[in-house]
């Protein structure tokens, strides 16, 4: 007969059926609980690999990027994942894939932003002045009851 769980007295087979798992999974859980207690049954995220950047390099990275993309020979001040990757490789000597740059940027507190596309000739003062005059420009059409002043009315010829 299948071994009984210490806590419930249920056979492992019944526990597996009730939870929709295999008997082997229940057996592993029971062993973990015996060896490490209830804490051993809690979910622990896998530790992952070691960081390629050392702690002091992580600390330097915000200051390196704060200099701006143009300081590293790029045209325009916009940082892209590819540019960040290249600067990390050139300055810190660590190579990452472009796909990992989102993780790197998030870790130093930077977020992905979409550049605002505006004309170089844009004049904010003129735009604001135009917005102030908009209510006069956006006149409502006269209602049926409003007399037509200053317009010619032609009488229909019958």
N, C-alpha and C. Protein backbone atom coordinates (compact mmCIF):
# COMPACT_ATOMS: atom_id res chain seq x y z
N UNK A 1 0.84 -1.17 0.00
CA UNK A 1 0.00 0.00 0.00
C UNK A 1 0.89 1.24 0.00
N UNK A 2 0.40 2.30 -0.66
CA UNK A 2 1.18 3.54 -0.74
C UNK A 2 1.40 4.10 0.66
N UNK A 3 2.54 4.76 0.81
CA UNK A 3 2.84 5.32 2.13
C UNK A 3 1.86 6.45 2.44
N UNK A 4 1.57 6.63 3.72
CA UNK A 4 0.63 7.65 4.14
C UNK A 4 1.38 8.92 4.51
N UNK A 5 0.79 10.08 4.20
CA UNK A 5 1.44 11.33 4.57
C UNK A 5 1.33 11.52 6.07
N UNK A 6 2.35 12.07 6.65
CA UNK A 6 2.41 12.22 8.10
C UNK A 6 1.36 13.21 8.60
N UNK A 7 1.09 14.26 7.84
CA UNK A 7 0.19 15.31 8.31
C UNK A 7 -1.27 14.91 8.21
N UNK A 8 -1.67 14.30 7.11
CA UNK A 8 -3.09 14.06 6.87
C UNK A 8 -3.51 12.62 7.07
N UNK A 9 -2.57 11.70 6.96
CA UNK A 9 -2.94 10.29 7.04
C UNK A 9 -3.46 9.77 5.70
N UNK A 10 -3.48 10.60 4.70
CA UNK A 10 -3.93 10.17 3.38
C UNK A 10 -2.80 9.44 2.66
N UNK A 11 -3.13 8.46 1.86
CA UNK A 11 -2.11 7.85 1.01
C UNK A 11 -1.64 8.87 -0.04
N UNK A 12 -0.38 8.79 -0.44
CA UNK A 12 0.16 9.72 -1.42
C UNK A 12 -0.64 9.68 -2.73
N UNK A 13 -1.14 8.52 -3.08
CA UNK A 13 -1.92 8.38 -4.31
C UNK A 13 -3.17 9.26 -4.25
N UNK A 14 -3.85 9.28 -3.10
CA UNK A 14 -5.06 10.10 -2.94
C UNK A 14 -4.71 11.60 -2.97
N UNK A 15 -3.59 11.97 -2.33
CA UNK A 15 -3.15 13.36 -2.35
C UNK A 15 -2.87 13.79 -3.79
N UNK A 16 -2.17 12.94 -4.55
CA UNK A 16 -1.84 13.24 -5.94
C UNK A 16 -3.12 13.41 -6.76
N UNK A 17 -4.08 12.53 -6.57
CA UNK A 17 -5.34 12.64 -7.31
C UNK A 17 -6.07 13.93 -6.94
N UNK A 18 -6.12 14.25 -5.65
CA UNK A 18 -6.84 15.43 -5.19
C UNK A 18 -6.20 16.71 -5.73
N UNK A 19 -4.89 16.71 -5.89
CA UNK A 19 -4.19 17.92 -6.35
C UNK A 19 -3.91 17.92 -7.84
N UNK A 20 -4.20 16.82 -8.51
CA UNK A 20 -4.00 16.76 -9.95
C UNK A 20 -2.54 16.69 -10.34
N UNK A 21 -1.72 16.02 -9.53
CA UNK A 21 -0.30 15.86 -9.81
C UNK A 21 0.05 14.39 -9.75
N UNK A 22 1.31 14.07 -10.04
CA UNK A 22 1.74 12.68 -10.00
C UNK A 22 2.10 12.28 -8.57
N UNK A 23 2.12 10.99 -8.34
CA UNK A 23 2.55 10.49 -7.02
C UNK A 23 4.01 10.85 -6.77
N UNK A 24 4.81 10.88 -7.83
CA UNK A 24 6.22 11.25 -7.69
C UNK A 24 6.38 12.67 -7.17
N UNK A 25 5.52 13.58 -7.64
CA UNK A 25 5.58 14.96 -7.17
C UNK A 25 5.27 15.03 -5.68
N UNK A 26 4.25 14.30 -5.25
CA UNK A 26 3.88 14.28 -3.82
C UNK A 26 5.03 13.70 -3.01
N UNK A 27 5.66 12.66 -3.53
CA UNK A 27 6.78 12.03 -2.84
C UNK A 27 7.94 13.03 -2.67
N UNK A 28 8.23 13.81 -3.73
CA UNK A 28 9.29 14.82 -3.64
C UNK A 28 8.94 15.90 -2.62
N UNK A 29 7.68 16.31 -2.60
CA UNK A 29 7.25 17.33 -1.64
C UNK A 29 7.42 16.84 -0.21
N UNK A 30 7.04 15.58 -0.01
CA UNK A 30 7.13 15.01 1.34
C UNK A 30 8.59 14.95 1.78
N UNK A 31 9.48 14.55 0.88
CA UNK A 31 10.90 14.49 1.22
C UNK A 31 11.43 15.89 1.55
N UNK A 32 11.05 16.87 0.73
CA UNK A 32 11.48 18.25 1.00
C UNK A 32 10.99 18.72 2.36
N UNK A 33 9.74 18.42 2.68
CA UNK A 33 9.17 18.85 3.96
C UNK A 33 9.89 18.18 5.13
N UNK A 34 10.22 16.90 4.97
CA UNK A 34 10.95 16.19 6.04
C UNK A 34 12.34 16.78 6.23
N UNK A 35 13.02 17.08 5.10
CA UNK A 35 14.40 17.56 5.18
C UNK A 35 14.51 19.04 5.58
N UNK A 36 13.60 19.88 5.05
CA UNK A 36 13.76 21.32 5.27
C UNK A 36 12.58 22.02 5.90
N UNK A 37 11.56 21.28 6.28
CA UNK A 37 10.39 21.91 6.89
C UNK A 37 9.52 22.59 5.86
N UNK A 38 8.55 23.34 6.36
CA UNK A 38 7.57 24.00 5.49
C UNK A 38 8.25 25.01 4.56
N UNK A 39 9.29 25.69 5.02
CA UNK A 39 10.01 26.68 4.20
C UNK A 39 10.54 26.05 2.91
N UNK A 40 10.93 24.81 2.97
CA UNK A 40 11.47 24.13 1.79
C UNK A 40 10.41 23.93 0.71
N UNK A 41 9.13 24.01 1.10
CA UNK A 41 8.04 23.83 0.13
C UNK A 41 7.67 25.13 -0.57
N UNK A 42 8.11 26.26 -0.04
CA UNK A 42 7.79 27.55 -0.67
C UNK A 42 8.53 27.69 -1.99
N UNK A 43 7.91 28.44 -2.89
CA UNK A 43 8.54 28.66 -4.20
C UNK A 43 9.72 29.62 -4.06
N UNK A 44 10.83 29.25 -4.62
CA UNK A 44 12.01 30.10 -4.66
C UNK A 44 12.41 30.27 -6.12
N UNK A 45 12.53 31.51 -6.56
CA UNK A 45 12.92 31.77 -7.94
C UNK A 45 14.33 31.23 -8.17
N UNK A 46 14.57 30.70 -9.35
CA UNK A 46 15.92 30.22 -9.64
C UNK A 46 16.91 31.38 -9.55
N UNK A 47 18.11 31.13 -9.07
CA UNK A 47 19.05 32.23 -8.85
C UNK A 47 19.55 32.90 -10.13
N UNK A 48 19.55 32.22 -11.25
CA UNK A 48 20.05 32.82 -12.48
C UNK A 48 21.56 32.85 -12.51
N UNK A 49 22.10 33.32 -13.61
CA UNK A 49 23.55 33.38 -13.76
C UNK A 49 24.14 34.59 -13.06
N UNK A 50 25.45 34.58 -12.94
CA UNK A 50 26.14 35.72 -12.36
C UNK A 50 26.12 36.88 -13.36
N UNK A 51 26.08 38.09 -12.85
CA UNK A 51 26.09 39.28 -13.69
C UNK A 51 27.44 39.42 -14.38
N UNK A 52 27.40 39.87 -15.62
CA UNK A 52 28.65 40.10 -16.34
C UNK A 52 29.34 41.35 -15.82
N UNK A 53 28.54 42.33 -15.39
CA UNK A 53 29.10 43.57 -14.84
C UNK A 53 29.36 43.40 -13.35
N UNK A 54 30.49 43.87 -12.89
CA UNK A 54 30.80 43.86 -11.46
C UNK A 54 30.03 45.00 -10.78
N UNK A 55 29.94 44.98 -9.47
CA UNK A 55 29.19 45.98 -8.72
C UNK A 55 29.67 47.39 -9.01
N UNK A 56 30.99 47.59 -9.09
CA UNK A 56 31.50 48.94 -9.36
C UNK A 56 31.17 49.39 -10.78
N UNK A 57 31.05 48.44 -11.72
CA UNK A 57 30.68 48.79 -13.09
C UNK A 57 29.20 49.20 -13.14
N UNK A 58 28.37 48.48 -12.39
CA UNK A 58 26.95 48.85 -12.31
C UNK A 58 26.83 50.27 -11.76
N UNK A 59 27.65 50.60 -10.79
CA UNK A 59 27.61 51.93 -10.18
C UNK A 59 28.08 53.01 -11.17
N UNK A 60 29.01 52.68 -12.05
CA UNK A 60 29.54 53.64 -13.03
C UNK A 60 28.57 53.87 -14.19
N UNK A 61 27.77 52.89 -14.51
CA UNK A 61 26.96 52.92 -15.72
C UNK A 61 26.05 54.15 -15.84
N UNK A 62 25.31 54.56 -14.80
CA UNK A 62 24.47 55.76 -14.96
C UNK A 62 25.28 57.00 -15.33
N UNK A 63 26.44 57.18 -14.73
CA UNK A 63 27.27 58.35 -15.05
C UNK A 63 27.81 58.27 -16.48
N UNK A 64 28.16 57.08 -16.91
CA UNK A 64 28.65 56.89 -18.28
C UNK A 64 27.56 57.29 -19.27
N UNK A 65 26.33 56.82 -19.05
CA UNK A 65 25.24 57.11 -19.98
C UNK A 65 24.76 58.56 -19.85
N UNK A 66 24.94 59.16 -18.68
CA UNK A 66 24.51 60.55 -18.48
C UNK A 66 25.31 61.52 -19.34
N UNK A 67 26.48 61.12 -19.79
CA UNK A 67 27.28 61.99 -20.66
C UNK A 67 26.59 62.21 -22.00
N UNK A 68 25.69 61.32 -22.36
CA UNK A 68 24.94 61.46 -23.61
C UNK A 68 25.53 60.63 -24.74
N UNK A 69 24.68 60.26 -25.66
CA UNK A 69 25.09 59.41 -26.78
C UNK A 69 26.10 60.12 -27.68
N UNK A 70 25.97 61.43 -27.82
CA UNK A 70 26.86 62.17 -28.70
C UNK A 70 28.30 62.17 -28.17
N UNK A 71 28.48 62.04 -26.86
CA UNK A 71 29.83 62.00 -26.28
C UNK A 71 30.58 60.74 -26.72
N UNK A 72 29.87 59.75 -27.19
CA UNK A 72 30.49 58.50 -27.63
C UNK A 72 30.47 58.37 -29.15
N UNK A 73 30.25 59.49 -29.84
CA UNK A 73 30.36 59.50 -31.30
C UNK A 73 29.08 59.19 -32.05
N UNK A 74 27.95 59.10 -31.36
CA UNK A 74 26.68 58.82 -32.05
C UNK A 74 26.05 60.13 -32.51
N UNK A 75 25.40 60.09 -33.66
CA UNK A 75 24.69 61.26 -34.17
C UNK A 75 23.34 61.34 -33.47
N UNK A 76 23.07 62.43 -32.78
CA UNK A 76 21.82 62.58 -32.04
C UNK A 76 21.97 62.11 -30.61
N UNK A 77 21.15 62.67 -29.75
CA UNK A 77 21.27 62.42 -28.31
C UNK A 77 20.46 61.22 -27.83
N UNK A 78 19.79 60.54 -28.72
CA UNK A 78 18.91 59.44 -28.32
C UNK A 78 19.72 58.18 -28.04
N UNK A 79 19.44 57.57 -26.88
CA UNK A 79 20.04 56.28 -26.57
C UNK A 79 19.15 55.17 -27.10
N UNK A 80 19.73 54.24 -27.81
CA UNK A 80 19.01 53.04 -28.23
C UNK A 80 19.66 51.86 -27.51
N UNK A 81 18.98 50.73 -27.52
CA UNK A 81 19.56 49.55 -26.88
C UNK A 81 20.89 49.18 -27.53
N UNK A 82 20.95 49.32 -28.85
CA UNK A 82 22.19 49.00 -29.56
C UNK A 82 23.33 49.93 -29.17
N UNK A 83 23.01 51.21 -29.00
CA UNK A 83 24.04 52.17 -28.61
C UNK A 83 24.53 51.91 -27.19
N UNK A 84 23.59 51.62 -26.29
CA UNK A 84 23.97 51.32 -24.89
C UNK A 84 24.86 50.09 -24.87
N UNK A 85 24.49 49.09 -25.65
CA UNK A 85 25.28 47.86 -25.72
C UNK A 85 26.70 48.17 -26.19
N UNK A 86 26.81 49.00 -27.22
CA UNK A 86 28.12 49.34 -27.78
C UNK A 86 28.98 50.09 -26.77
N UNK A 87 28.38 51.03 -26.03
CA UNK A 87 29.13 51.81 -25.04
C UNK A 87 29.58 50.91 -23.90
N UNK A 88 28.72 50.01 -23.45
CA UNK A 88 29.12 49.08 -22.39
C UNK A 88 30.30 48.23 -22.85
N UNK A 89 30.25 47.80 -24.09
CA UNK A 89 31.34 46.98 -24.62
C UNK A 89 32.63 47.80 -24.76
N UNK A 90 32.52 49.03 -25.28
CA UNK A 90 33.71 49.86 -25.50
C UNK A 90 34.32 50.38 -24.20
N UNK A 91 33.48 50.83 -23.28
CA UNK A 91 33.97 51.48 -22.07
C UNK A 91 34.27 50.48 -20.95
N UNK A 92 33.36 49.53 -20.76
CA UNK A 92 33.51 48.59 -19.65
C UNK A 92 34.07 47.24 -20.06
N UNK A 93 34.15 46.99 -21.36
CA UNK A 93 34.72 45.74 -21.84
C UNK A 93 33.85 44.52 -21.62
N UNK A 94 32.54 44.74 -21.49
CA UNK A 94 31.61 43.63 -21.26
C UNK A 94 30.64 43.57 -22.43
N UNK A 95 30.45 42.37 -22.96
CA UNK A 95 29.59 42.19 -24.12
C UNK A 95 28.24 41.60 -23.72
N UNK A 96 27.18 42.24 -24.13
CA UNK A 96 25.81 41.77 -23.93
C UNK A 96 25.12 41.65 -25.26
N UNK A 97 24.04 40.89 -25.31
CA UNK A 97 23.18 40.88 -26.48
C UNK A 97 22.26 42.08 -26.38
N UNK A 98 21.83 42.60 -27.52
CA UNK A 98 20.95 43.77 -27.54
C UNK A 98 19.67 43.47 -26.75
N UNK A 99 19.17 42.26 -26.83
CA UNK A 99 17.93 41.89 -26.14
C UNK A 99 18.05 42.05 -24.62
N UNK A 100 19.26 41.97 -24.07
CA UNK A 100 19.46 42.09 -22.62
C UNK A 100 19.51 43.55 -22.16
N UNK A 101 19.56 44.48 -23.08
CA UNK A 101 19.70 45.88 -22.71
C UNK A 101 18.50 46.41 -21.94
N UNK A 102 17.30 45.89 -22.20
CA UNK A 102 16.13 46.32 -21.44
C UNK A 102 16.32 45.99 -19.97
N UNK A 103 16.84 44.80 -19.68
CA UNK A 103 17.12 44.41 -18.30
C UNK A 103 18.16 45.33 -17.68
N UNK A 104 19.23 45.60 -18.41
CA UNK A 104 20.32 46.45 -17.90
C UNK A 104 19.78 47.85 -17.60
N UNK A 105 19.03 48.42 -18.53
CA UNK A 105 18.51 49.77 -18.35
C UNK A 105 17.51 49.83 -17.19
N UNK A 106 16.66 48.83 -17.07
CA UNK A 106 15.71 48.79 -15.94
C UNK A 106 16.45 48.71 -14.62
N UNK A 107 17.53 47.95 -14.59
CA UNK A 107 18.27 47.76 -13.34
C UNK A 107 18.90 49.06 -12.84
N UNK A 108 19.26 49.97 -13.76
CA UNK A 108 19.84 51.25 -13.33
C UNK A 108 18.79 52.35 -13.24
N UNK A 109 17.52 51.97 -13.41
CA UNK A 109 16.43 52.93 -13.23
C UNK A 109 16.03 53.70 -14.47
N UNK A 110 16.51 53.28 -15.63
CA UNK A 110 16.12 53.93 -16.88
C UNK A 110 14.94 53.17 -17.47
N UNK A 111 14.06 53.88 -18.14
CA UNK A 111 12.92 53.23 -18.76
C UNK A 111 12.92 53.48 -20.26
N UNK A 112 12.25 52.61 -20.97
CA UNK A 112 12.15 52.75 -22.41
C UNK A 112 11.20 53.90 -22.71
N UNK A 113 11.62 54.79 -23.59
CA UNK A 113 10.78 55.91 -23.96
C UNK A 113 10.76 56.07 -25.47
N UNK A 114 9.63 56.46 -25.96
CA UNK A 114 9.49 56.69 -27.39
C UNK A 114 9.78 58.15 -27.67
N UNK A 115 10.71 58.44 -28.57
CA UNK A 115 11.02 59.84 -28.86
C UNK A 115 9.81 60.58 -29.43
N UNK A 116 9.67 61.83 -29.05
CA UNK A 116 8.61 62.67 -29.59
C UNK A 116 9.12 63.23 -30.92
N UNK A 117 8.34 63.03 -31.95
CA UNK A 117 8.74 63.51 -33.28
C UNK A 117 8.08 64.87 -33.52
N UNK A 118 8.90 65.90 -33.63
CA UNK A 118 8.41 67.25 -33.87
C UNK A 118 9.31 67.92 -34.91
N UNK A 119 8.72 68.83 -35.63
CA UNK A 119 9.48 69.57 -36.64
C UNK A 119 10.53 70.45 -35.96
N UNK A 120 11.68 70.58 -36.56
CA UNK A 120 12.75 71.41 -36.01
C UNK A 120 12.35 72.89 -36.01
N UNK A 121 11.46 73.28 -36.93
CA UNK A 121 11.04 74.68 -37.04
C UNK A 121 9.92 75.03 -36.07
N UNK A 122 9.49 74.11 -35.28
CA UNK A 122 8.35 74.29 -34.38
C UNK A 122 8.59 75.49 -33.45
N UNK A 123 7.60 76.38 -33.38
CA UNK A 123 7.69 77.57 -32.54
C UNK A 123 6.58 77.47 -31.48
N UNK A 124 6.95 77.11 -30.26
CA UNK A 124 5.98 76.89 -29.19
C UNK A 124 5.18 78.15 -28.88
N UNK A 125 5.80 79.34 -28.93
CA UNK A 125 5.10 80.59 -28.63
C UNK A 125 3.98 80.84 -29.64
N UNK A 126 4.24 80.59 -30.91
CA UNK A 126 3.21 80.79 -31.93
C UNK A 126 2.08 79.78 -31.77
N UNK A 127 2.41 78.57 -31.38
CA UNK A 127 1.39 77.54 -31.16
C UNK A 127 0.47 77.96 -30.02
N UNK A 128 1.04 78.45 -28.93
CA UNK A 128 0.24 78.89 -27.79
C UNK A 128 -0.64 80.06 -28.17
N UNK A 129 -0.11 81.02 -28.95
CA UNK A 129 -0.91 82.16 -29.39
C UNK A 129 -2.06 81.70 -30.27
N UNK A 130 -1.81 80.74 -31.12
CA UNK A 130 -2.86 80.22 -31.99
C UNK A 130 -3.94 79.53 -31.16
N UNK A 131 -3.53 78.76 -30.12
CA UNK A 131 -4.51 78.08 -29.27
C UNK A 131 -5.42 79.08 -28.55
N UNK A 132 -4.85 80.26 -28.17
CA UNK A 132 -5.66 81.28 -27.50
C UNK A 132 -6.70 81.86 -28.43
N UNK A 133 -6.41 81.94 -29.73
CA UNK A 133 -7.35 82.49 -30.71
C UNK A 133 -8.31 81.46 -31.25
N UNK A 134 -8.14 80.22 -30.92
CA UNK A 134 -8.96 79.15 -31.48
C UNK A 134 -10.45 79.34 -31.23
N UNK A 135 -10.90 79.79 -30.05
CA UNK A 135 -12.35 79.95 -29.86
C UNK A 135 -12.98 80.91 -30.88
N UNK A 136 -12.25 81.95 -31.31
CA UNK A 136 -12.80 82.86 -32.31
C UNK A 136 -12.83 82.19 -33.69
N UNK A 137 -11.88 81.35 -33.95
CA UNK A 137 -11.82 80.68 -35.25
C UNK A 137 -12.91 79.63 -35.35
N UNK A 138 -13.14 78.94 -34.25
CA UNK A 138 -14.11 77.85 -34.24
C UNK A 138 -15.49 78.38 -33.87
N UNK A 139 -16.07 79.15 -34.77
CA UNK A 139 -17.41 79.68 -34.52
C UNK A 139 -18.43 78.64 -34.92
N UNK A 140 -19.49 78.63 -34.18
CA UNK A 140 -20.59 77.71 -34.48
C UNK A 140 -21.43 78.32 -35.61
N UNK A 141 -22.01 77.49 -36.45
CA UNK A 141 -22.89 78.04 -37.50
C UNK A 141 -24.12 78.66 -36.84
N UNK A 142 -24.67 79.68 -37.44
CA UNK A 142 -25.84 80.33 -36.85
C UNK A 142 -27.03 79.36 -36.81
N UNK A 143 -27.86 79.54 -35.80
CA UNK A 143 -29.05 78.70 -35.70
C UNK A 143 -30.10 79.23 -36.67
N UNK A 144 -31.19 78.51 -36.83
CA UNK A 144 -32.25 78.91 -37.76
C UNK A 144 -32.91 80.21 -37.31
N UNK A 145 -32.90 80.46 -36.01
CA UNK A 145 -33.56 81.65 -35.47
C UNK A 145 -32.69 82.89 -35.56
N UNK A 146 -31.40 82.76 -35.85
CA UNK A 146 -30.50 83.90 -35.91
C UNK A 146 -30.69 84.62 -37.23
N UNK A 147 -30.98 85.95 -37.17
CA UNK A 147 -31.15 86.68 -38.44
C UNK A 147 -29.80 86.81 -39.14
N UNK A 148 -29.86 86.78 -40.45
CA UNK A 148 -28.65 86.93 -41.25
C UNK A 148 -28.35 88.40 -41.39
N UNK A 149 -27.32 88.85 -40.76
CA UNK A 149 -26.98 90.26 -40.86
C UNK A 149 -25.79 90.40 -41.80
N UNK A 150 -25.88 91.35 -42.67
CA UNK A 150 -24.77 91.63 -43.56
C UNK A 150 -24.67 90.67 -44.72
N UNK A 151 -25.64 89.80 -44.92
CA UNK A 151 -25.60 88.91 -46.08
C UNK A 151 -26.76 89.26 -46.99
N UNK A 152 -26.60 88.99 -48.24
CA UNK A 152 -27.66 89.27 -49.20
C UNK A 152 -28.62 88.08 -49.24
N UNK A 153 -29.87 88.42 -49.21
CA UNK A 153 -30.90 87.39 -49.32
C UNK A 153 -31.58 87.59 -50.68
N UNK A 154 -31.62 86.60 -51.48
CA UNK A 154 -32.26 86.70 -52.79
C UNK A 154 -33.64 86.09 -52.70
N UNK A 155 -34.54 86.79 -53.29
CA UNK A 155 -35.90 86.31 -53.32
C UNK A 155 -36.05 85.37 -54.50
N UNK A 156 -36.71 84.30 -54.25
CA UNK A 156 -36.90 83.34 -55.35
C UNK A 156 -37.85 83.97 -56.36
N UNK A 157 -37.55 83.84 -57.62
CA UNK A 157 -38.42 84.35 -58.69
C UNK A 157 -39.36 83.24 -59.05
N UNK A 158 -40.66 83.60 -59.02
CA UNK A 158 -41.63 82.55 -59.35
C UNK A 158 -42.22 82.72 -60.70
